[in-house]
Amino acid sequence: IIILKYRDILDEIRLRKEEDSKLSDGDIWELFFNSISVTSNVYGISFNGEVKNFSTRLSKNKGDTVFKLFGEKGNTIGEFKGFINFNTELTESTLNIPEADLKDLGSDLLKGGEGVLFQSLSTNGYHLAINGSIHLKNMKLDIDKVIESMKIEDEVIKEIIAPLLRELNTGEIYYSYDTDTRILTIKTNIVEVFDDILNGENSSLKTKIREKIKDDFLKKVAG
């Protein structure tokens, strides 16, 4: 899907540039903007800023068209910046959210927590590459909604999963994608975090299981 959208956009730009290049200056109006105010929405956060040095005639845009946007929502702040070169078809952009309140990110699965999000994107007309990372801490999930999204029907499994999710409050996710391999790679330590919740020396789940076994035993003895 990503590569198809990228190629569609690129084909449209190339077509418009070609059509525009055939026109003389007297055949069409040209508007050149030193700065244009723009808005973009990323992760449910509204980013506002400006695009610099842009002509309505794409064939006239020989240099870099630079953009820089700042976003703020609740306790979350971020920056989205980069450039597009319509002549060389080079594009570079970075999204940096150093302070994110997880409940501001527009997901009903998150009730709170803190995060640091970073993503870079680059293109050269034939190749697109995306790299990103997400660091989470003090995360608080909406347990009921997460379990519902997992479509778990068995009540016993729900009882096992719920306390695990309740203690899952930290994690790191790294991802990358490029149009050459068309492979989305995701690396995360969440499996290790789960393992520590399950098997760590201070595993509260182990404690709860032991307490339940003890309570069940005492009930049987008392009965």
N, C-alpha and C. Protein backbone atom coordinates (compact mmCIF):
# COMPACT_ATOMS: atom_id res chain seq x y z
N ILE A 1 0.83 -1.21 0.00
CA ILE A 1 0.00 0.00 0.00
C ILE A 1 0.87 1.26 0.00
N ILE A 2 1.92 1.26 0.84
CA ILE A 2 2.79 2.43 0.94
C ILE A 2 3.45 2.73 -0.40
N ILE A 3 4.01 1.67 -1.04
CA ILE A 3 4.73 1.89 -2.30
C ILE A 3 3.78 2.34 -3.40
N LEU A 4 2.54 1.83 -3.40
CA LEU A 4 1.57 2.23 -4.42
C LEU A 4 1.20 3.70 -4.26
N LYS A 5 0.97 4.14 -3.01
CA LYS A 5 0.64 5.55 -2.77
C LYS A 5 1.81 6.44 -3.16
N TYR A 6 3.03 6.00 -2.80
CA TYR A 6 4.23 6.78 -3.13
C TYR A 6 4.36 6.95 -4.64
N ARG A 7 4.18 5.86 -5.38
CA ARG A 7 4.30 5.92 -6.84
C ARG A 7 3.18 6.75 -7.47
N ASP A 8 1.98 6.65 -6.91
CA ASP A 8 0.86 7.45 -7.43
C ASP A 8 1.14 8.94 -7.29
N ILE A 9 1.62 9.33 -6.10
CA ILE A 9 1.94 10.74 -5.85
C ILE A 9 3.06 11.20 -6.78
N LEU A 10 4.09 10.36 -6.90
CA LEU A 10 5.24 10.70 -7.74
C LEU A 10 4.84 10.83 -9.21
N ASP A 11 4.01 9.91 -9.68
CA ASP A 11 3.54 9.96 -11.07
C ASP A 11 2.73 11.23 -11.33
N GLU A 12 1.91 11.62 -10.35
CA GLU A 12 1.11 12.83 -10.49
C GLU A 12 2.00 14.07 -10.55
N ILE A 13 3.03 14.12 -9.70
CA ILE A 13 3.95 15.26 -9.70
C ILE A 13 4.70 15.33 -11.03
N ARG A 14 5.18 14.18 -11.51
CA ARG A 14 5.92 14.16 -12.78
C ARG A 14 5.04 14.62 -13.94
N LEU A 15 3.79 14.18 -13.94
CA LEU A 15 2.86 14.57 -15.01
C LEU A 15 2.62 16.07 -14.99
N ARG A 16 2.39 16.61 -13.80
CA ARG A 16 2.13 18.05 -13.69
C ARG A 16 3.37 18.87 -14.09
N LYS A 17 4.55 18.38 -13.70
CA LYS A 17 5.79 19.07 -14.07
C LYS A 17 5.97 19.07 -15.59
N GLU A 18 5.72 17.92 -16.20
CA GLU A 18 5.88 17.81 -17.66
C GLU A 18 4.91 18.73 -18.39
N GLU A 19 3.65 18.74 -17.97
CA GLU A 19 2.66 19.60 -18.60
C GLU A 19 3.01 21.08 -18.42
N ASP A 20 3.49 21.41 -17.22
CA ASP A 20 3.83 22.80 -16.92
C ASP A 20 5.05 23.26 -17.71
N SER A 21 6.02 22.36 -17.90
CA SER A 21 7.26 22.73 -18.60
C SER A 21 7.02 23.07 -20.07
N LYS A 22 5.91 22.61 -20.62
CA LYS A 22 5.58 22.87 -22.03
C LYS A 22 4.98 24.26 -22.23
N LEU A 23 4.61 24.90 -21.14
CA LEU A 23 3.96 26.22 -21.22
C LEU A 23 4.99 27.33 -21.10
N SER A 24 4.79 28.39 -21.84
CA SER A 24 5.66 29.56 -21.72
C SER A 24 5.15 30.43 -20.58
N ASP A 25 6.00 31.35 -20.14
CA ASP A 25 5.63 32.21 -19.01
C ASP A 25 4.39 33.04 -19.31
N GLY A 26 4.16 33.34 -20.58
CA GLY A 26 3.00 34.15 -20.93
C GLY A 26 1.70 33.37 -21.01
N ASP A 27 1.80 32.05 -20.96
CA ASP A 27 0.61 31.20 -21.11
C ASP A 27 -0.10 30.91 -19.79
N ILE A 28 0.59 31.10 -18.67
CA ILE A 28 0.02 30.70 -17.39
C ILE A 28 0.53 31.61 -16.28
N TRP A 29 -0.31 31.84 -15.31
CA TRP A 29 0.08 32.63 -14.15
C TRP A 29 1.01 31.80 -13.26
N GLU A 30 1.96 32.50 -12.64
CA GLU A 30 2.81 31.85 -11.63
C GLU A 30 2.72 32.63 -10.33
N LEU A 31 2.45 31.92 -9.26
CA LEU A 31 2.46 32.53 -7.93
C LEU A 31 3.61 31.93 -7.14
N PHE A 32 4.48 32.78 -6.63
CA PHE A 32 5.61 32.31 -5.82
C PHE A 32 5.40 32.76 -4.38
N PHE A 33 5.53 31.82 -3.47
CA PHE A 33 5.30 32.12 -2.05
C PHE A 33 6.60 31.94 -1.27
N ASN A 34 7.01 32.98 -0.57
CA ASN A 34 8.14 32.85 0.34
C ASN A 34 7.78 31.96 1.52
N SER A 35 6.50 32.01 1.89
CA SER A 35 6.04 31.22 3.04
C SER A 35 4.54 30.96 2.92
N ILE A 36 4.13 29.72 3.18
CA ILE A 36 2.72 29.34 3.18
C ILE A 36 2.41 28.64 4.50
N SER A 37 1.35 29.05 5.16
CA SER A 37 0.94 28.38 6.40
C SER A 37 0.28 27.05 6.06
N VAL A 38 0.70 26.00 6.77
CA VAL A 38 0.14 24.66 6.52
C VAL A 38 -0.18 23.98 7.85
N THR A 39 -1.07 23.00 7.78
CA THR A 39 -1.46 22.20 8.94
C THR A 39 -1.45 20.73 8.55
N SER A 40 -0.95 19.89 9.45
CA SER A 40 -0.94 18.45 9.20
C SER A 40 -1.31 17.74 10.50
N ASN A 41 -1.95 16.58 10.37
CA ASN A 41 -2.35 15.82 11.55
C ASN A 41 -1.56 14.51 11.60
N VAL A 42 -0.82 14.30 12.68
CA VAL A 42 -0.02 13.09 12.86
C VAL A 42 -0.25 12.56 14.27
N TYR A 43 -0.56 11.26 14.38
CA TYR A 43 -0.83 10.64 15.69
C TYR A 43 -1.92 11.39 16.46
N GLY A 44 -2.87 11.97 15.74
CA GLY A 44 -3.95 12.69 16.40
C GLY A 44 -3.55 14.06 16.91
N ILE A 45 -2.35 14.51 16.55
CA ILE A 45 -1.85 15.82 16.98
C ILE A 45 -1.83 16.76 15.79
N SER A 46 -2.33 17.96 15.95
CA SER A 46 -2.35 18.94 14.88
C SER A 46 -1.02 19.70 14.85
N PHE A 47 -0.31 19.61 13.72
CA PHE A 47 0.95 20.32 13.54
C PHE A 47 0.72 21.53 12.64
N ASN A 48 1.20 22.69 13.08
CA ASN A 48 1.03 23.92 12.33
C ASN A 48 2.40 24.56 12.06
N GLY A 49 2.55 25.12 10.85
CA GLY A 49 3.82 25.75 10.52
C GLY A 49 3.79 26.35 9.14
N GLU A 50 4.93 26.29 8.44
CA GLU A 50 5.02 26.94 7.15
C GLU A 50 5.86 26.14 6.16
N VAL A 51 5.53 26.31 4.89
CA VAL A 51 6.32 25.80 3.78
C VAL A 51 6.96 27.01 3.11
N LYS A 52 8.27 26.93 2.85
CA LYS A 52 8.98 28.08 2.29
C LYS A 52 9.40 27.83 0.84
N ASN A 53 9.43 28.92 0.07
CA ASN A 53 9.95 28.91 -1.30
C ASN A 53 9.21 27.94 -2.21
N PHE A 54 7.95 28.26 -2.51
CA PHE A 54 7.13 27.37 -3.32
C PHE A 54 6.48 28.14 -4.46
N SER A 55 6.58 27.57 -5.68
CA SER A 55 5.92 28.15 -6.85
C SER A 55 4.77 27.25 -7.27
N THR A 56 3.68 27.88 -7.72
CA THR A 56 2.53 27.10 -8.19
C THR A 56 2.86 26.37 -9.49
N ARG A 57 3.92 26.79 -10.17
CA ARG A 57 4.40 26.06 -11.35
C ARG A 57 5.50 25.10 -10.89
N LEU A 58 5.17 23.82 -10.83
CA LEU A 58 6.10 22.84 -10.27
C LEU A 58 7.43 22.80 -11.00
N SER A 59 7.42 23.04 -12.31
CA SER A 59 8.67 23.00 -13.08
C SER A 59 9.62 24.13 -12.70
N LYS A 60 9.10 25.15 -12.01
CA LYS A 60 9.93 26.28 -11.60
C LYS A 60 10.59 26.06 -10.23
N ASN A 61 10.17 25.03 -9.53
CA ASN A 61 10.73 24.75 -8.20
C ASN A 61 12.04 23.96 -8.36
N LYS A 62 13.14 24.68 -8.47
CA LYS A 62 14.44 24.03 -8.69
C LYS A 62 15.15 23.68 -7.38
N GLY A 63 14.93 24.48 -6.36
CA GLY A 63 15.61 24.23 -5.09
C GLY A 63 14.74 23.47 -4.11
N ASP A 64 15.19 23.42 -2.86
CA ASP A 64 14.45 22.72 -1.81
C ASP A 64 13.26 23.55 -1.35
N THR A 65 12.11 22.91 -1.26
CA THR A 65 10.93 23.52 -0.64
C THR A 65 10.90 23.03 0.81
N VAL A 66 11.23 23.93 1.72
CA VAL A 66 11.43 23.57 3.13
C VAL A 66 10.14 23.74 3.92
N PHE A 67 9.90 22.80 4.84
CA PHE A 67 8.74 22.94 5.73
C PHE A 67 9.15 22.67 7.17
N LYS A 68 8.47 23.35 8.07
CA LYS A 68 8.73 23.19 9.51
C LYS A 68 7.44 23.44 10.26
N LEU A 69 7.00 22.42 11.01
CA LEU A 69 5.73 22.53 11.73
C LEU A 69 5.92 22.12 13.19
N PHE A 70 5.16 22.78 14.06
CA PHE A 70 5.19 22.45 15.48
C PHE A 70 3.80 21.99 15.92
N GLY A 71 3.78 20.98 16.78
CA GLY A 71 2.51 20.44 17.26
C GLY A 71 2.42 20.46 18.77
N GLU A 72 1.22 20.69 19.26
CA GLU A 72 0.99 20.70 20.71
C GLU A 72 -0.44 20.24 20.99
N LYS A 73 -0.57 19.32 21.93
CA LYS A 73 -1.89 18.85 22.33
C LYS A 73 -1.81 18.39 23.78
N GLY A 74 -2.55 19.05 24.65
CA GLY A 74 -2.46 18.70 26.07
C GLY A 74 -1.04 18.87 26.57
N ASN A 75 -0.44 17.78 27.07
CA ASN A 75 0.94 17.82 27.56
C ASN A 75 1.94 17.34 26.52
N THR A 76 1.49 17.16 25.28
CA THR A 76 2.34 16.62 24.22
C THR A 76 2.85 17.73 23.31
N ILE A 77 4.15 17.68 23.00
CA ILE A 77 4.73 18.64 22.07
C ILE A 77 5.56 17.87 21.03
N GLY A 78 5.69 18.45 19.82
CA GLY A 78 6.47 17.79 18.79
C GLY A 78 6.82 18.71 17.65
N GLU A 79 7.70 18.21 16.78
CA GLU A 79 8.16 18.99 15.63
C GLU A 79 8.20 18.08 14.39
N PHE A 80 7.75 18.60 13.26
CA PHE A 80 7.75 17.88 11.99
C PHE A 80 8.41 18.79 10.97
N LYS A 81 9.56 18.38 10.42
CA LYS A 81 10.28 19.27 9.51
C LYS A 81 10.99 18.48 8.41
N GLY A 82 11.41 19.19 7.37
CA GLY A 82 12.11 18.54 6.27
C GLY A 82 12.08 19.39 5.01
N PHE A 83 12.31 18.73 3.87
CA PHE A 83 12.25 19.44 2.60
C PHE A 83 11.79 18.51 1.48
N ILE A 84 11.26 19.11 0.43
CA ILE A 84 10.89 18.40 -0.80
C ILE A 84 11.55 19.13 -1.96
N ASN A 85 12.22 18.38 -2.83
CA ASN A 85 12.81 18.98 -4.01
C ASN A 85 12.10 18.40 -5.24
N PHE A 86 11.25 19.22 -5.87
CA PHE A 86 10.46 18.75 -7.01
C PHE A 86 11.32 18.51 -8.25
N ASN A 87 12.53 19.08 -8.26
CA ASN A 87 13.42 18.92 -9.40
C ASN A 87 14.20 17.60 -9.33
N THR A 88 14.81 17.32 -8.17
CA THR A 88 15.61 16.10 -8.01
C THR A 88 14.79 14.94 -7.45
N GLU A 89 13.58 15.24 -6.98
CA GLU A 89 12.68 14.25 -6.36
C GLU A 89 13.24 13.71 -5.04
N LEU A 90 14.15 14.46 -4.45
CA LEU A 90 14.65 14.10 -3.12
C LEU A 90 13.72 14.67 -2.05
N THR A 91 13.47 13.87 -1.04
CA THR A 91 12.64 14.29 0.09
C THR A 91 13.24 13.77 1.38
N GLU A 92 13.28 14.60 2.37
CA GLU A 92 13.70 14.17 3.70
C GLU A 92 12.80 14.82 4.74
N SER A 93 12.38 14.04 5.72
CA SER A 93 11.56 14.61 6.80
C SER A 93 11.81 13.86 8.09
N THR A 94 11.64 14.57 9.20
CA THR A 94 11.75 13.95 10.52
C THR A 94 10.58 14.39 11.38
N LEU A 95 10.04 13.45 12.11
CA LEU A 95 8.99 13.72 13.09
C LEU A 95 9.58 13.41 14.45
N ASN A 96 9.61 14.40 15.31
CA ASN A 96 10.20 14.23 16.64
C ASN A 96 9.19 14.68 17.70
N ILE A 97 8.77 13.73 18.53
CA ILE A 97 7.86 14.04 19.64
C ILE A 97 8.58 13.63 20.92
N PRO A 98 9.36 14.55 21.52
CA PRO A 98 10.16 14.20 22.70
C PRO A 98 9.36 14.08 23.98
N GLU A 99 8.19 14.69 24.00
CA GLU A 99 7.34 14.63 25.18
C GLU A 99 5.91 14.33 24.75
N ALA A 100 5.49 13.08 24.95
CA ALA A 100 4.14 12.69 24.56
C ALA A 100 3.37 12.16 25.76
N ASP A 101 2.18 12.70 25.96
CA ASP A 101 1.23 12.13 26.91
C ASP A 101 0.42 11.13 26.09
N LEU A 102 0.53 9.85 26.42
CA LEU A 102 -0.03 8.80 25.57
C LEU A 102 -1.53 8.95 25.33
N LYS A 103 -2.23 9.55 26.27
CA LYS A 103 -3.67 9.71 26.06
C LYS A 103 -3.99 10.79 25.02
N ASP A 104 -2.97 11.57 24.61
CA ASP A 104 -3.17 12.59 23.59
C ASP A 104 -3.03 12.04 22.17
N LEU A 105 -2.63 10.77 22.03
CA LEU A 105 -2.28 10.24 20.71
C LEU A 105 -3.46 9.68 19.94
N GLY A 106 -4.66 9.82 20.46
CA GLY A 106 -5.84 9.46 19.69
C GLY A 106 -6.18 7.99 19.68
N SER A 107 -5.61 7.19 20.60
CA SER A 107 -5.95 5.77 20.67
C SER A 107 -6.80 5.51 21.90
N ASP A 108 -7.94 4.83 21.72
CA ASP A 108 -8.80 4.54 22.86
C ASP A 108 -8.28 3.36 23.69
N LEU A 109 -7.15 2.77 23.26
CA LEU A 109 -6.54 1.67 24.03
C LEU A 109 -5.61 2.20 25.11
N LEU A 110 -5.24 3.49 25.02
CA LEU A 110 -4.31 4.09 25.97
C LEU A 110 -5.03 5.05 26.91
N LYS A 111 -4.81 4.87 28.21
CA LYS A 111 -5.44 5.75 29.19
C LYS A 111 -4.45 6.76 29.75
N GLY A 112 -3.16 6.53 29.53
CA GLY A 112 -2.17 7.46 30.04
C GLY A 112 -0.77 6.90 29.91
N GLY A 113 0.21 7.71 30.32
CA GLY A 113 1.60 7.31 30.23
C GLY A 113 2.42 8.34 29.47
N GLU A 114 3.70 8.05 29.33
CA GLU A 114 4.61 8.97 28.65
C GLU A 114 5.30 8.25 27.50
N GLY A 115 5.68 9.01 26.48
CA GLY A 115 6.34 8.41 25.33
C GLY A 115 7.27 9.37 24.62
N VAL A 116 8.23 8.79 23.91
CA VAL A 116 9.12 9.54 23.02
C VAL A 116 9.02 8.88 21.65
N LEU A 117 8.62 9.65 20.63
CA LEU A 117 8.42 9.10 19.29
C LEU A 117 9.31 9.82 18.29
N PHE A 118 9.92 9.03 17.41
CA PHE A 118 10.78 9.61 16.37
C PHE A 118 10.57 8.84 15.07
N GLN A 119 10.53 9.56 13.95
CA GLN A 119 10.41 8.91 12.64
C GLN A 119 11.12 9.74 11.58
N SER A 120 11.88 9.07 10.72
CA SER A 120 12.53 9.75 9.60
C SER A 120 12.06 9.11 8.29
N LEU A 121 11.95 9.92 7.26
CA LEU A 121 11.53 9.45 5.94
C LEU A 121 12.40 10.10 4.88
N SER A 122 12.83 9.30 3.89
CA SER A 122 13.63 9.85 2.80
C SER A 122 13.23 9.18 1.48
N THR A 123 13.27 9.95 0.40
CA THR A 123 12.97 9.42 -0.94
C THR A 123 13.96 10.02 -1.94
N ASN A 124 14.14 9.32 -3.06
CA ASN A 124 14.98 9.87 -4.13
C ASN A 124 14.33 9.73 -5.50
N GLY A 125 13.03 9.47 -5.52
CA GLY A 125 12.33 9.29 -6.78
C GLY A 125 12.11 7.84 -7.15
N TYR A 126 12.93 6.97 -6.61
CA TYR A 126 12.79 5.54 -6.88
C TYR A 126 12.72 4.72 -5.59
N HIS A 127 13.23 5.28 -4.55
CA HIS A 127 13.38 4.55 -3.29
C HIS A 127 12.77 5.37 -2.16
N LEU A 128 12.03 4.71 -1.29
CA LEU A 128 11.47 5.35 -0.10
C LEU A 128 11.87 4.53 1.12
N ALA A 129 12.34 5.20 2.14
CA ALA A 129 12.75 4.51 3.37
C ALA A 129 12.18 5.22 4.58
N ILE A 130 11.68 4.43 5.53
CA ILE A 130 11.12 4.96 6.77
C ILE A 130 11.78 4.24 7.94
N ASN A 131 12.21 5.00 8.93
CA ASN A 131 12.76 4.43 10.16
C ASN A 131 12.14 5.16 11.34
N GLY A 132 11.80 4.41 12.39
CA GLY A 132 11.19 5.07 13.53
C GLY A 132 11.37 4.30 14.82
N SER A 133 11.08 4.98 15.91
CA SER A 133 11.17 4.35 17.23
C SER A 133 10.12 4.94 18.15
N ILE A 134 9.65 4.11 19.08
CA ILE A 134 8.68 4.52 20.09
C ILE A 134 9.15 4.00 21.44
N HIS A 135 9.32 4.89 22.39
CA HIS A 135 9.74 4.51 23.75
C HIS A 135 8.59 4.85 24.71
N LEU A 136 8.16 3.86 25.46
CA LEU A 136 7.00 4.02 26.34
C LEU A 136 7.39 3.81 27.79
N LYS A 137 6.80 4.61 28.69
CA LYS A 137 7.00 4.39 30.12
C LYS A 137 5.76 4.86 30.88
N ASN A 138 5.56 4.26 32.03
CA ASN A 138 4.38 4.56 32.86
C ASN A 138 3.08 4.42 32.07
N MET A 139 3.10 3.50 31.11
CA MET A 139 1.93 3.32 30.23
C MET A 139 0.78 2.67 30.99
N LYS A 140 -0.41 3.19 30.75
CA LYS A 140 -1.61 2.63 31.36
C LYS A 140 -2.60 2.29 30.25
N LEU A 141 -2.86 0.99 30.08
CA LEU A 141 -3.76 0.53 29.04
C LEU A 141 -5.20 0.46 29.53
N ASP A 142 -6.13 0.60 28.61
CA ASP A 142 -7.53 0.32 28.92
C ASP A 142 -7.70 -1.19 28.73
N ILE A 143 -7.59 -1.92 29.82
CA ILE A 143 -7.52 -3.38 29.77
C ILE A 143 -8.72 -3.99 29.04
N ASP A 144 -9.90 -3.54 29.38
CA ASP A 144 -11.11 -4.11 28.76
C ASP A 144 -11.11 -3.92 27.25
N LYS A 145 -10.71 -2.73 26.79
CA LYS A 145 -10.72 -2.47 25.36
C LYS A 145 -9.61 -3.23 24.63
N VAL A 146 -8.46 -3.39 25.29
CA VAL A 146 -7.37 -4.16 24.69
C VAL A 146 -7.78 -5.61 24.51
N ILE A 147 -8.36 -6.20 25.56
CA ILE A 147 -8.82 -7.59 25.49
C ILE A 147 -9.91 -7.74 24.44
N GLU A 148 -10.79 -6.75 24.37
CA GLU A 148 -11.85 -6.78 23.36
C GLU A 148 -11.26 -6.75 21.95
N SER A 149 -10.21 -5.93 21.76
CA SER A 149 -9.57 -5.84 20.45
C SER A 149 -8.84 -7.12 20.08
N MET A 150 -8.43 -7.90 21.09
CA MET A 150 -7.74 -9.17 20.86
C MET A 150 -8.73 -10.30 20.55
N LYS A 151 -10.02 -9.99 20.71
CA LYS A 151 -11.11 -10.95 20.41
C LYS A 151 -10.93 -12.27 21.18
N ILE A 152 -10.63 -12.14 22.46
CA ILE A 152 -10.50 -13.32 23.33
C ILE A 152 -11.86 -13.63 23.94
N GLU A 153 -12.33 -14.84 23.74
CA GLU A 153 -13.65 -15.25 24.24
C GLU A 153 -13.56 -16.02 25.55
N ASP A 154 -12.49 -16.79 25.70
CA ASP A 154 -12.35 -17.67 26.87
C ASP A 154 -12.13 -16.83 28.14
N GLU A 155 -12.99 -17.02 29.14
CA GLU A 155 -12.92 -16.23 30.37
C GLU A 155 -11.65 -16.52 31.17
N VAL A 156 -11.18 -17.77 31.14
CA VAL A 156 -9.96 -18.13 31.87
C VAL A 156 -8.76 -17.40 31.28
N ILE A 157 -8.68 -17.38 29.95
CA ILE A 157 -7.57 -16.68 29.29
C ILE A 157 -7.65 -15.18 29.58
N LYS A 158 -8.86 -14.64 29.61
CA LYS A 158 -9.02 -13.22 29.95
C LYS A 158 -8.47 -12.93 31.34
N GLU A 159 -8.74 -13.83 32.29
CA GLU A 159 -8.28 -13.65 33.67
C GLU A 159 -6.76 -13.71 33.75
N ILE A 160 -6.14 -14.49 32.85
CA ILE A 160 -4.68 -14.59 32.83
C ILE A 160 -4.07 -13.36 32.16
N ILE A 161 -4.68 -12.94 31.04
CA ILE A 161 -4.14 -11.84 30.25
C ILE A 161 -4.27 -10.50 30.97
N ALA A 162 -5.40 -10.28 31.64
CA ALA A 162 -5.69 -8.97 32.25
C ALA A 162 -4.58 -8.48 33.18
N PRO A 163 -4.12 -9.30 34.16
CA PRO A 163 -3.06 -8.80 35.04
C PRO A 163 -1.74 -8.56 34.32
N LEU A 164 -1.47 -9.33 33.26
CA LEU A 164 -0.26 -9.10 32.47
C LEU A 164 -0.30 -7.73 31.81
N LEU A 165 -1.43 -7.43 31.20
CA LEU A 165 -1.59 -6.14 30.53
C LEU A 165 -1.55 -4.99 31.53
N ARG A 166 -2.07 -5.24 32.73
CA ARG A 166 -2.09 -4.21 33.76
C ARG A 166 -0.67 -3.83 34.19
N GLU A 167 0.24 -4.80 34.13
CA GLU A 167 1.62 -4.54 34.54
C GLU A 167 2.52 -4.15 33.38
N LEU A 168 2.00 -4.23 32.16
CA LEU A 168 2.79 -3.82 31.00
C LEU A 168 2.78 -2.30 30.91
N ASN A 169 3.78 -1.66 31.47
CA ASN A 169 3.80 -0.20 31.51
C ASN A 169 5.04 0.42 30.88
N THR A 170 5.88 -0.41 30.26
CA THR A 170 7.07 0.12 29.60
C THR A 170 7.37 -0.71 28.36
N GLY A 171 8.10 -0.14 27.44
CA GLY A 171 8.45 -0.89 26.24
C GLY A 171 9.12 -0.02 25.18
N GLU A 172 9.82 -0.67 24.27
CA GLU A 172 10.48 0.02 23.16
C GLU A 172 10.14 -0.69 21.86
N ILE A 173 9.84 0.09 20.83
CA ILE A 173 9.50 -0.45 19.52
C ILE A 173 10.33 0.29 18.46
N TYR A 174 11.01 -0.48 17.61
CA TYR A 174 11.77 0.09 16.50
C TYR A 174 11.21 -0.49 15.20
N TYR A 175 11.02 0.34 14.20
CA TYR A 175 10.46 -0.16 12.94
C TYR A 175 11.15 0.49 11.75
N SER A 176 11.12 -0.23 10.62
CA SER A 176 11.72 0.29 9.39
C SER A 176 11.01 -0.32 8.18
N TYR A 177 11.02 0.43 7.09
CA TYR A 177 10.41 -0.05 5.84
C TYR A 177 11.11 0.62 4.67
N ASP A 178 11.35 -0.13 3.60
CA ASP A 178 11.85 0.48 2.38
C ASP A 178 11.21 -0.18 1.18
N THR A 179 11.11 0.58 0.09
CA THR A 179 10.40 0.09 -1.09
C THR A 179 11.21 -0.89 -1.91
N ASP A 180 12.52 -1.03 -1.62
CA ASP A 180 13.33 -2.02 -2.35
C ASP A 180 12.96 -3.43 -1.91
N THR A 181 12.91 -3.64 -0.60
CA THR A 181 12.59 -4.98 -0.08
C THR A 181 11.10 -5.17 0.15
N ARG A 182 10.37 -4.03 0.33
CA ARG A 182 8.94 -4.06 0.67
C ARG A 182 8.69 -4.86 1.95
N ILE A 183 9.65 -4.81 2.85
CA ILE A 183 9.54 -5.54 4.11
C ILE A 183 9.43 -4.54 5.26
N LEU A 184 8.42 -4.71 6.08
CA LEU A 184 8.27 -3.91 7.30
C LEU A 184 8.92 -4.69 8.44
N THR A 185 9.96 -4.12 9.02
CA THR A 185 10.68 -4.77 10.12
C THR A 185 10.33 -4.10 11.43
N ILE A 186 9.94 -4.89 12.42
CA ILE A 186 9.60 -4.37 13.74
C ILE A 186 10.41 -5.12 14.79
N LYS A 187 11.11 -4.37 15.63
CA LYS A 187 11.85 -4.95 16.75
C LYS A 187 11.33 -4.33 18.04
N THR A 188 11.12 -5.16 19.04
CA THR A 188 10.59 -4.66 20.31
C THR A 188 11.09 -5.49 21.48
N ASN A 189 11.14 -4.87 22.64
CA ASN A 189 11.53 -5.60 23.85
C ASN A 189 10.32 -5.98 24.68
N ILE A 190 9.12 -5.80 24.12
CA ILE A 190 7.90 -6.06 24.89
C ILE A 190 7.79 -7.53 25.29
N VAL A 191 8.32 -8.43 24.43
CA VAL A 191 8.32 -9.86 24.78
C VAL A 191 9.14 -10.08 26.04
N GLU A 192 10.31 -9.41 26.12
CA GLU A 192 11.15 -9.54 27.31
C GLU A 192 10.46 -8.94 28.53
N VAL A 193 9.74 -7.84 28.32
CA VAL A 193 9.00 -7.22 29.43
C VAL A 193 7.93 -8.18 29.94
N PHE A 194 7.20 -8.81 29.02
CA PHE A 194 6.20 -9.81 29.39
C PHE A 194 6.84 -10.96 30.17
N ASP A 195 8.00 -11.42 29.68
CA ASP A 195 8.68 -12.54 30.32
C ASP A 195 9.08 -12.18 31.75
N ASP A 196 9.52 -10.94 31.94
CA ASP A 196 9.90 -10.51 33.28
C ASP A 196 8.68 -10.42 34.20
N ILE A 197 7.55 -9.98 33.63
CA ILE A 197 6.31 -9.93 34.41
C ILE A 197 5.90 -11.33 34.84
N LEU A 198 6.09 -12.29 33.93
CA LEU A 198 5.69 -13.67 34.20
C LEU A 198 6.67 -14.40 35.11
N ASN A 199 7.98 -14.23 34.82
CA ASN A 199 8.98 -15.09 35.46
C ASN A 199 9.99 -14.36 36.33
N GLY A 200 9.90 -13.04 36.41
CA GLY A 200 10.87 -12.30 37.21
C GLY A 200 10.78 -12.64 38.69
N GLU A 201 11.86 -12.32 39.41
CA GLU A 201 11.92 -12.63 40.84
C GLU A 201 10.81 -11.93 41.61
N ASN A 202 10.45 -10.75 41.16
CA ASN A 202 9.41 -9.98 41.85
C ASN A 202 8.08 -10.02 41.10
N SER A 203 7.87 -11.10 40.36
CA SER A 203 6.65 -11.22 39.56
C SER A 203 5.41 -11.22 40.45
N SER A 204 4.59 -10.18 40.27
CA SER A 204 3.36 -10.11 41.07
C SER A 204 2.36 -11.15 40.61
N LEU A 205 2.47 -11.57 39.33
CA LEU A 205 1.57 -12.60 38.83
C LEU A 205 1.82 -13.92 39.56
N LYS A 206 3.11 -14.24 39.77
CA LYS A 206 3.45 -15.45 40.53
C LYS A 206 2.87 -15.36 41.93
N THR A 207 3.01 -14.17 42.54
CA THR A 207 2.49 -13.97 43.89
C THR A 207 0.98 -14.17 43.93
N LYS A 208 0.29 -13.62 42.92
CA LYS A 208 -1.17 -13.75 42.87
C LYS A 208 -1.58 -15.20 42.69
N ILE A 209 -0.84 -15.94 41.85
CA ILE A 209 -1.15 -17.35 41.63
C ILE A 209 -0.96 -18.14 42.92
N ARG A 210 0.15 -17.86 43.62
CA ARG A 210 0.41 -18.55 44.89
C ARG A 210 -0.69 -18.24 45.91
N GLU A 211 -1.08 -16.95 45.96
CA GLU A 211 -2.13 -16.55 46.91
C GLU A 211 -3.46 -17.22 46.57
N LYS A 212 -3.75 -17.35 45.27
CA LYS A 212 -5.00 -17.99 44.86
C LYS A 212 -4.99 -19.47 45.24
N ILE A 213 -3.84 -20.13 44.99
CA ILE A 213 -3.71 -21.55 45.36
C ILE A 213 -3.88 -21.71 46.87
N LYS A 214 -3.27 -20.80 47.63
CA LYS A 214 -3.37 -20.84 49.08
C LYS A 214 -4.81 -20.64 49.54
N ASP A 215 -5.49 -19.63 48.95
CA ASP A 215 -6.88 -19.36 49.31
C ASP A 215 -7.78 -20.55 48.98
N ASP A 216 -7.57 -21.13 47.79
CA ASP A 216 -8.38 -22.29 47.39
C ASP A 216 -8.16 -23.46 48.34
N PHE A 217 -6.90 -23.65 48.76
CA PHE A 217 -6.57 -24.75 49.68
C PHE A 217 -7.23 -24.53 51.04
N LEU A 218 -7.14 -23.28 51.54
CA LEU A 218 -7.74 -22.97 52.85
C LEU A 218 -9.25 -23.13 52.82
N LYS A 219 -9.87 -22.75 51.69
CA LYS A 219 -11.32 -22.92 51.56
C LYS A 219 -11.71 -24.39 51.61
N LYS A 220 -10.90 -25.22 50.95
CA LYS A 220 -11.18 -26.66 50.94
C LYS A 220 -11.01 -27.25 52.34
N VAL A 221 -9.96 -26.79 53.05
CA VAL A 221 -9.72 -27.29 54.42
C VAL A 221 -10.85 -26.85 55.34
N ALA A 222 -11.25 -25.57 55.20
CA ALA A 222 -12.32 -25.04 56.04
C ALA A 222 -13.65 -25.71 55.73
N GLY A 223 -13.83 -26.08 54.46
CA GLY A 223 -15.08 -26.73 54.07
C GLY A 223 -15.14 -28.16 54.53
